């Protein structure tokens, strides 16, 4: 097995072991301590590998967190300089911004995404939609029924599918109750917070397509 070199030091991870009267013990999942001698060799090896990998994983997570902090600071200082020196700013009211290198080959995008929740008006909308579907019966398009079922996730009480809720809003149906239901859905929307995403892109030339710089481990 080959190992790629790393340029950061792993975080020390507790061994999960201790010695008592000359006998080495290892902690089990119940919090108890058992002699190492009675544990299967493959389980001991797995324990060592997991702790080694976790040391690097925690170190990498900390490094990414520091990188994000430095990035936010650098971009913020640049924006402050624009405001102070040139009475100018980047981005719109939502906070979305794009920063690009002069050669057009590197780009940093800052995107602010609102977190949406729904108030009690959503149940009013569900009632009106059910009325429509019950009256239309056989005439109701099956895809509309499927979207409604997925949107309100009727198999799990109190849970909804936000993407399908927004799909309902895009349907153009000429029925007063349906329009009332859509109005109720819009009234039910609550912005409960926001999350800022920073994404990085590069390309070999100014007329080529952008490629994301992968930082997400799941996409590496």
C-alpha atoms as a PDB file:
ATOM      1  CA  UNK A   1       0.000   0.000   0.000  1.00  0.00           C
ATOM      2  CA  UNK A   2       1.411   3.389  -1.005  1.00  0.00           C
ATOM      3  CA  UNK A   3       0.732   6.577   0.891  1.00  0.00           C
ATOM      4  CA  UNK A   4       0.585  10.047  -0.556  1.00  0.00           C
ATOM      5  CA  UNK A   5       2.670  12.637   1.299  1.00  0.00           C
ATOM      6  CA  UNK A   6       0.797  15.247   3.316  1.00  0.00           C
ATOM      7  CA  UNK A   7       1.823  18.763   4.174  1.00  0.00           C
ATOM      8  CA  UNK A   8       0.017  18.990   7.500  1.00  0.00           C
ATOM      9  CA  UNK A   9       0.416  17.232  10.830  1.00  0.00           C
ATOM     10  CA  UNK A  10      -2.397  14.997  12.081  1.00  0.00           C
ATOM     11  CA  UNK A  11      -4.211  15.929  15.262  1.00  0.00           C
ATOM     12  CA  UNK A  12      -3.263  13.652  18.185  1.00  0.00           C
ATOM     13  CA  UNK A  13      -6.093  11.165  18.778  1.00  0.00           C
ATOM     14  CA  UNK A  14      -6.432   9.392  22.147  1.00  0.00           C
ATOM     15  CA  UNK A  15      -5.361   5.762  21.892  1.00  0.00           C
ATOM     16  CA  UNK A  16      -8.417   4.459  23.722  1.00  0.00           C
ATOM     17  CA  UNK A  17      -6.134   2.258  25.775  1.00  0.00           C
ATOM     18  CA  UNK A  18      -4.671   2.205  29.275  1.00  0.00           C
ATOM     19  CA  UNK A  19      -2.449  -0.014  31.358  1.00  0.00           C
ATOM     20  CA  UNK A  20      -3.469  -1.424  34.718  1.00  0.00           C
ATOM     21  CA  UNK A  21      -1.031  -3.541  36.767  1.00  0.00           C
ATOM     22  CA  UNK A  22       1.029  -4.331  33.706  1.00  0.00           C
ATOM     23  CA  UNK A  23      -1.964  -5.380  31.582  1.00  0.00           C
ATOM     24  CA  UNK A  24      -3.044  -3.282  28.596  1.00  0.00           C
ATOM     25  CA  UNK A  25      -6.761  -2.589  28.279  1.00  0.00           C
ATOM     26  CA  UNK A  26      -8.826  -1.104  25.441  1.00  0.00           C
ATOM     27  CA  UNK A  27     -12.177   0.613  25.839  1.00  0.00           C
ATOM     28  CA  UNK A  28     -15.193  -0.983  24.185  1.00  0.00           C
ATOM     29  CA  UNK A  29     -18.365   0.590  22.772  1.00  0.00           C
ATOM     30  CA  UNK A  30     -20.138   0.273  26.126  1.00  0.00           C
ATOM     31  CA  UNK A  31     -17.496   2.302  27.923  1.00  0.00           C
ATOM     32  CA  UNK A  32     -15.942  -0.702  29.634  1.00  0.00           C
ATOM     33  CA  UNK A  33     -12.304  -1.748  29.579  1.00  0.00           C
ATOM     34  CA  UNK A  34     -11.281  -5.165  28.257  1.00  0.00           C
ATOM     35  CA  UNK A  35      -7.808  -6.717  28.030  1.00  0.00           C
ATOM     36  CA  UNK A  36      -6.214  -6.185  24.627  1.00  0.00           C
ATOM     37  CA  UNK A  37      -5.261  -9.863  24.638  1.00  0.00           C
ATOM     38  CA  UNK A  38      -8.906 -10.971  24.276  1.00  0.00           C
ATOM     39  CA  UNK A  39      -9.714  -8.653  21.363  1.00  0.00           C
ATOM     40  CA  UNK A  40      -9.524 -10.016  17.823  1.00  0.00           C
ATOM     41  CA  UNK A  41      -6.363  -8.889  15.960  1.00  0.00           C
ATOM     42  CA  UNK A  42      -8.436  -7.536  13.058  1.00  0.00           C
ATOM     43  CA  UNK A  43     -10.477  -5.393  15.478  1.00  0.00           C
ATOM     44  CA  UNK A  44      -7.300  -3.977  17.015  1.00  0.00           C
ATOM     45  CA  UNK A  45      -5.916  -3.234  13.548  1.00  0.00           C
ATOM     46  CA  UNK A  46      -9.178  -1.530  12.537  1.00  0.00           C
ATOM     47  CA  UNK A  47      -9.051   0.579  15.700  1.00  0.00           C
ATOM     48  CA  UNK A  48      -5.520   1.731  14.872  1.00  0.00           C
ATOM     49  CA  UNK A  49      -6.362   2.560  11.251  1.00  0.00           C
ATOM     50  CA  UNK A  50      -9.516   4.504  12.205  1.00  0.00           C
ATOM     51  CA  UNK A  51      -7.637   6.565  14.801  1.00  0.00           C
ATOM     52  CA  UNK A  52      -4.839   7.285  12.311  1.00  0.00           C
ATOM     53  CA  UNK A  53      -7.265   8.392   9.586  1.00  0.00           C
ATOM     54  CA  UNK A  54      -9.286  10.478  12.068  1.00  0.00           C
ATOM     55  CA  UNK A  55      -6.138  12.323  13.094  1.00  0.00           C
ATOM     56  CA  UNK A  56      -5.674  13.517   9.514  1.00  0.00           C
ATOM     57  CA  UNK A  57      -9.420  14.105   9.003  1.00  0.00           C
ATOM     58  CA  UNK A  58      -9.700  16.400  12.027  1.00  0.00           C
ATOM     59  CA  UNK A  59      -6.523  18.228  11.017  1.00  0.00           C
ATOM     60  CA  UNK A  60      -7.879  18.718   7.484  1.00  0.00           C
ATOM     61  CA  UNK A  61     -11.239  19.918   8.822  1.00  0.00           C
ATOM     62  CA  UNK A  62      -9.459  22.458  11.022  1.00  0.00           C
ATOM     63  CA  UNK A  63      -7.331  23.562   8.080  1.00  0.00           C
ATOM     64  CA  UNK A  64     -10.417  24.082   5.874  1.00  0.00           C
ATOM     65  CA  UNK A  65     -12.082  26.056   8.650  1.00  0.00           C
ATOM     66  CA  UNK A  66      -9.039  28.317   8.926  1.00  0.00           C
ATOM     67  CA  UNK A  67      -8.942  28.647   5.137  1.00  0.00           C
ATOM     68  CA  UNK A  68     -12.591  29.719   5.081  1.00  0.00           C
ATOM     69  CA  UNK A  69     -11.911  32.294   7.788  1.00  0.00           C
ATOM     70  CA  UNK A  70      -8.933  33.722   5.908  1.00  0.00           C
ATOM     71  CA  UNK A  71     -10.948  33.804   2.656  1.00  0.00           C
ATOM     72  CA  UNK A  72     -13.833  35.684   4.258  1.00  0.00           C
ATOM     73  CA  UNK A  73     -11.371  38.142   5.820  1.00  0.00           C
ATOM     74  CA  UNK A  74      -9.456  38.725   2.573  1.00  0.00           C
ATOM     75  CA  UNK A  75     -12.608  39.294   0.521  1.00  0.00           C
ATOM     76  CA  UNK A  76     -14.092  41.492   3.243  1.00  0.00           C
ATOM     77  CA  UNK A  77     -10.980  43.651   3.418  1.00  0.00           C
ATOM     78  CA  UNK A  78     -11.015  44.023  -0.374  1.00  0.00           C
ATOM     79  CA  UNK A  79     -14.668  45.106  -0.321  1.00  0.00           C
ATOM     80  CA  UNK A  80     -13.967  47.582   2.462  1.00  0.00           C
ATOM     81  CA  UNK A  81     -11.143  49.032   0.363  1.00  0.00           C
ATOM     82  CA  UNK A  82     -13.484  49.431  -2.614  1.00  0.00           C
ATOM     83  CA  UNK A  83     -16.028  51.219  -0.451  1.00  0.00           C
ATOM     84  CA  UNK A  84     -13.456  53.511   1.117  1.00  0.00           C
ATOM     85  CA  UNK A  85     -11.264  54.359  -1.874  1.00  0.00           C
ATOM     86  CA  UNK A  86     -13.635  54.119  -4.807  1.00  0.00           C
ATOM     87  CA  UNK A  87     -17.134  54.392  -3.312  1.00  0.00           C
ATOM     88  CA  UNK A  88     -17.965  51.147  -5.097  1.00  0.00           C
ATOM     89  CA  UNK A  89     -19.164  47.690  -4.092  1.00  0.00           C
ATOM     90  CA  UNK A  90     -19.547  44.179  -5.463  1.00  0.00           C
ATOM     91  CA  UNK A  91     -22.710  42.116  -5.577  1.00  0.00           C
ATOM     92  CA  UNK A  92     -26.407  42.714  -5.094  1.00  0.00           C
ATOM     93  CA  UNK A  93     -28.793  43.178  -2.197  1.00  0.00           C
ATOM     94  CA  UNK A  94     -28.837  39.428  -1.449  1.00  0.00           C
ATOM     95  CA  UNK A  95     -25.105  39.392  -0.796  1.00  0.00           C
ATOM     96  CA  UNK A  96     -24.145  37.306  -3.837  1.00  0.00           C
ATOM     97  CA  UNK A  97     -20.740  38.360  -5.198  1.00  0.00           C
ATOM     98  CA  UNK A  98     -18.306  37.317  -7.916  1.00  0.00           C
ATOM     99  CA  UNK A  99     -14.570  38.026  -7.800  1.00  0.00           C
ATOM    100  CA  UNK A 100     -12.418  37.305 -10.853  1.00  0.00           C
ATOM    101  CA  UNK A 101      -8.734  37.428 -11.715  1.00  0.00           C
ATOM    102  CA  UNK A 102      -7.686  39.939 -14.373  1.00  0.00           C
ATOM    103  CA  UNK A 103      -6.877  37.191 -16.900  1.00  0.00           C
ATOM    104  CA  UNK A 104     -10.374  35.721 -16.507  1.00  0.00           C
ATOM    105  CA  UNK A 105      -9.040  32.291 -15.536  1.00  0.00           C
ATOM    106  CA  UNK A 106      -9.917  32.235 -11.821  1.00  0.00           C
ATOM    107  CA  UNK A 107     -13.174  33.098 -10.081  1.00  0.00           C
ATOM    108  CA  UNK A 108     -14.463  33.137  -6.521  1.00  0.00           C
ATOM    109  CA  UNK A 109     -18.234  33.212  -6.010  1.00  0.00           C
ATOM    110  CA  UNK A 110     -19.927  34.072  -2.732  1.00  0.00           C
ATOM    111  CA  UNK A 111     -23.544  32.937  -2.636  1.00  0.00           C
ATOM    112  CA  UNK A 112     -26.029  33.572   0.154  1.00  0.00           C
ATOM    113  CA  UNK A 113     -28.869  31.055   0.330  1.00  0.00           C
ATOM    114  CA  UNK A 114     -31.936  31.708   2.462  1.00  0.00           C
ATOM    115  CA  UNK A 115     -33.236  28.905   4.665  1.00  0.00           C
ATOM    116  CA  UNK A 116     -36.999  28.671   4.232  1.00  0.00           C
ATOM    117  CA  UNK A 117     -39.513  27.248   6.697  1.00  0.00           C
ATOM    118  CA  UNK A 118     -43.291  27.122   6.412  1.00  0.00           C
ATOM    119  CA  UNK A 119     -45.927  28.430   8.799  1.00  0.00           C
ATOM    120  CA  UNK A 120     -49.469  27.136   9.579  1.00  0.00           C
ATOM    121  CA  UNK A 121     -50.821  28.595   6.327  1.00  0.00           C
ATOM    122  CA  UNK A 122     -49.337  25.522   4.652  1.00  0.00           C
ATOM    123  CA  UNK A 123     -52.078  23.330   6.145  1.00  0.00           C
ATOM    124  CA  UNK A 124     -54.683  25.678   4.671  1.00  0.00           C
ATOM    125  CA  UNK A 125     -53.019  25.215   1.283  1.00  0.00           C
ATOM    126  CA  UNK A 126     -53.029  21.431   1.717  1.00  0.00           C
ATOM    127  CA  UNK A 127     -56.757  21.472   2.461  1.00  0.00           C
ATOM    128  CA  UNK A 128     -57.540  23.506  -0.663  1.00  0.00           C
ATOM    129  CA  UNK A 129     -55.344  21.283  -2.821  1.00  0.00           C
ATOM    130  CA  UNK A 130     -57.067  18.165  -1.457  1.00  0.00           C
ATOM    131  CA  UNK A 131     -60.433  19.702  -2.329  1.00  0.00           C
ATOM    132  CA  UNK A 132     -59.254  20.268  -5.877  1.00  0.00           C
ATOM    133  CA  UNK A 133     -57.911  16.749  -6.292  1.00  0.00           C
ATOM    134  CA  UNK A 134     -61.016  15.140  -4.803  1.00  0.00           C
ATOM    135  CA  UNK A 135     -63.330  17.096  -7.105  1.00  0.00           C
ATOM    136  CA  UNK A 136     -61.218  16.563 -10.200  1.00  0.00           C
ATOM    137  CA  UNK A 137     -60.938  12.832  -9.344  1.00  0.00           C
ATOM    138  CA  UNK A 138     -60.306  10.924 -12.572  1.00  0.00           C
ATOM    139  CA  UNK A 139     -59.659  14.125 -14.492  1.00  0.00           C
ATOM    140  CA  UNK A 140     -56.706  15.083 -12.295  1.00  0.00           C
ATOM    141  CA  UNK A 141     -53.379  14.589 -14.017  1.00  0.00           C
ATOM    142  CA  UNK A 142     -51.412  11.785 -12.291  1.00  0.00           C
ATOM    143  CA  UNK A 143     -48.224  13.856 -12.271  1.00  0.00           C
ATOM    144  CA  UNK A 144     -49.993  16.560 -10.211  1.00  0.00           C
ATOM    145  CA  UNK A 145     -51.151  13.956  -7.681  1.00  0.00           C
ATOM    146  CA  UNK A 146     -47.598  12.602  -7.492  1.00  0.00           C
ATOM    147  CA  UNK A 147     -46.140  16.064  -6.872  1.00  0.00           C
ATOM    148  CA  UNK A 148     -48.700  16.785  -4.130  1.00  0.00           C
ATOM    149  CA  UNK A 149     -47.990  13.445  -2.460  1.00  0.00           C
ATOM    150  CA  UNK A 150     -44.243  14.031  -2.515  1.00  0.00           C
ATOM    151  CA  UNK A 151     -44.596  17.667  -1.471  1.00  0.00           C
ATOM    152  CA  UNK A 152     -46.484  16.956   1.716  1.00  0.00           C
ATOM    153  CA  UNK A 153     -44.840  13.565   2.304  1.00  0.00           C
ATOM    154  CA  UNK A 154     -48.031  12.061   3.639  1.00  0.00           C
ATOM    155  CA  UNK A 155     -46.227   8.928   4.855  1.00  0.00           C
ATOM    156  CA  UNK A 156     -44.383  10.956   7.489  1.00  0.00           C
ATOM    157  CA  UNK A 157     -46.483  13.235   9.642  1.00  0.00           C
ATOM    158  CA  UNK A 158     -45.360  16.847   9.754  1.00  0.00           C
ATOM    159  CA  UNK A 159     -42.704  16.475   7.096  1.00  0.00           C
ATOM    160  CA  UNK A 160     -42.723  18.227   3.734  1.00  0.00           C
ATOM    161  CA  UNK A 161     -40.542  18.205   0.648  1.00  0.00           C
ATOM    162  CA  UNK A 162     -39.498  21.793  -0.020  1.00  0.00           C
ATOM    163  CA  UNK A 163     -38.396  21.256  -3.617  1.00  0.00           C
ATOM    164  CA  UNK A 164     -41.764  19.704  -4.496  1.00  0.00           C
ATOM    165  CA  UNK A 165     -43.586  22.558  -2.741  1.00  0.00           C
ATOM    166  CA  UNK A 166     -41.801  24.972  -5.061  1.00  0.00           C
ATOM    167  CA  UNK A 167     -42.731  22.701  -7.981  1.00  0.00           C
ATOM    168  CA  UNK A 168     -46.409  23.185  -7.074  1.00  0.00           C
ATOM    169  CA  UNK A 169     -45.967  26.948  -7.286  1.00  0.00           C
ATOM    170  CA  UNK A 170     -44.824  26.617 -10.888  1.00  0.00           C
ATOM    171  CA  UNK A 171     -48.000  24.829 -12.002  1.00  0.00           C
ATOM    172  CA  UNK A 172     -50.480  27.038 -13.850  1.00  0.00           C
ATOM    173  CA  UNK A 173     -53.983  25.769 -12.986  1.00  0.00           C
ATOM    174  CA  UNK A 174     -57.067  27.879 -13.619  1.00  0.00           C
ATOM    175  CA  UNK A 175     -59.000  27.125 -10.450  1.00  0.00           C
ATOM    176  CA  UNK A 176     -59.798  29.678  -7.754  1.00  0.00           C
ATOM    177  CA  UNK A 177     -59.125  27.219  -4.929  1.00  0.00           C
ATOM    178  CA  UNK A 178     -55.800  26.210  -6.463  1.00  0.00           C
ATOM    179  CA  UNK A 179     -54.780  29.843  -6.787  1.00  0.00           C
ATOM    180  CA  UNK A 180     -55.839  30.350  -3.156  1.00  0.00           C
ATOM    181  CA  UNK A 181     -53.721  27.366  -2.141  1.00  0.00           C
ATOM    182  CA  UNK A 182     -50.682  28.781  -3.925  1.00  0.00           C
ATOM    183  CA  UNK A 183     -51.224  32.145  -2.224  1.00  0.00           C
ATOM    184  CA  UNK A 184     -51.394  30.342   1.139  1.00  0.00           C
ATOM    185  CA  UNK A 185     -48.110  28.552   0.387  1.00  0.00           C
ATOM    186  CA  UNK A 186     -46.419  31.866  -0.397  1.00  0.00           C
ATOM    187  CA  UNK A 187     -47.835  33.386   2.807  1.00  0.00           C
ATOM    188  CA  UNK A 188     -46.552  30.355   4.741  1.00  0.00           C
ATOM    189  CA  UNK A 189     -42.931  30.926   3.716  1.00  0.00           C
ATOM    190  CA  UNK A 190     -40.640  32.163   6.454  1.00  0.00           C
ATOM    191  CA  UNK A 191     -36.967  33.059   6.010  1.00  0.00           C
ATOM    192  CA  UNK A 192     -35.481  31.585   9.186  1.00  0.00           C
ATOM    193  CA  UNK A 193     -31.834  32.246   8.380  1.00  0.00           C
ATOM    194  CA  UNK A 194     -29.240  32.112   5.658  1.00  0.00           C
ATOM    195  CA  UNK A 195     -26.040  30.281   4.853  1.00  0.00           C
ATOM    196  CA  UNK A 196     -23.093  31.626   2.900  1.00  0.00           C
ATOM    197  CA  UNK A 197     -21.294  29.421   0.383  1.00  0.00           C
ATOM    198  CA  UNK A 198     -17.898  30.218  -1.117  1.00  0.00           C
ATOM    199  CA  UNK A 199     -17.081  28.409  -4.345  1.00  0.00           C
ATOM    200  CA  UNK A 200     -13.919  28.478  -6.444  1.00  0.00           C
ATOM    201  CA  UNK A 201     -13.562  28.010 -10.185  1.00  0.00           C
ATOM    202  CA  UNK A 202     -10.742  27.912 -12.703  1.00  0.00           C
ATOM    203  CA  UNK A 203     -10.330  27.476 -16.450  1.00  0.00           C
ATOM    204  CA  UNK A 204      -7.362  27.142 -18.798  1.00  0.00           C
ATOM    205  CA  UNK A 205      -8.320  30.155 -20.924  1.00  0.00           C
ATOM    206  CA  UNK A 206     -10.744  33.065 -20.817  1.00  0.00           C
ATOM    207  CA  UNK A 207     -13.035  31.452 -23.403  1.00  0.00           C
ATOM    208  CA  UNK A 208     -13.122  27.972 -21.813  1.00  0.00           C
ATOM    209  CA  UNK A 209     -15.757  26.586 -19.477  1.00  0.00           C
ATOM    210  CA  UNK A 210     -15.413  26.923 -15.732  1.00  0.00           C
ATOM    211  CA  UNK A 211     -14.330  23.965 -13.601  1.00  0.00           C
ATOM    212  CA  UNK A 212     -14.968  23.895  -9.863  1.00  0.00           C
ATOM    213  CA  UNK A 213     -12.000  23.603  -7.516  1.00  0.00           C
ATOM    214  CA  UNK A 214     -13.081  20.633  -5.407  1.00  0.00           C
ATOM    215  CA  UNK A 215     -12.889  21.108  -1.658  1.00  0.00           C
ATOM    216  CA  UNK A 216     -15.833  18.861  -0.733  1.00  0.00           C
ATOM    217  CA  UNK A 217     -14.339  15.454   0.199  1.00  0.00           C
ATOM    218  CA  UNK A 218     -17.449  13.655  -1.107  1.00  0.00           C
ATOM    219  CA  UNK A 219     -16.788  15.043  -4.605  1.00  0.00           C
ATOM    220  CA  UNK A 220     -13.030  14.565  -4.668  1.00  0.00           C
END
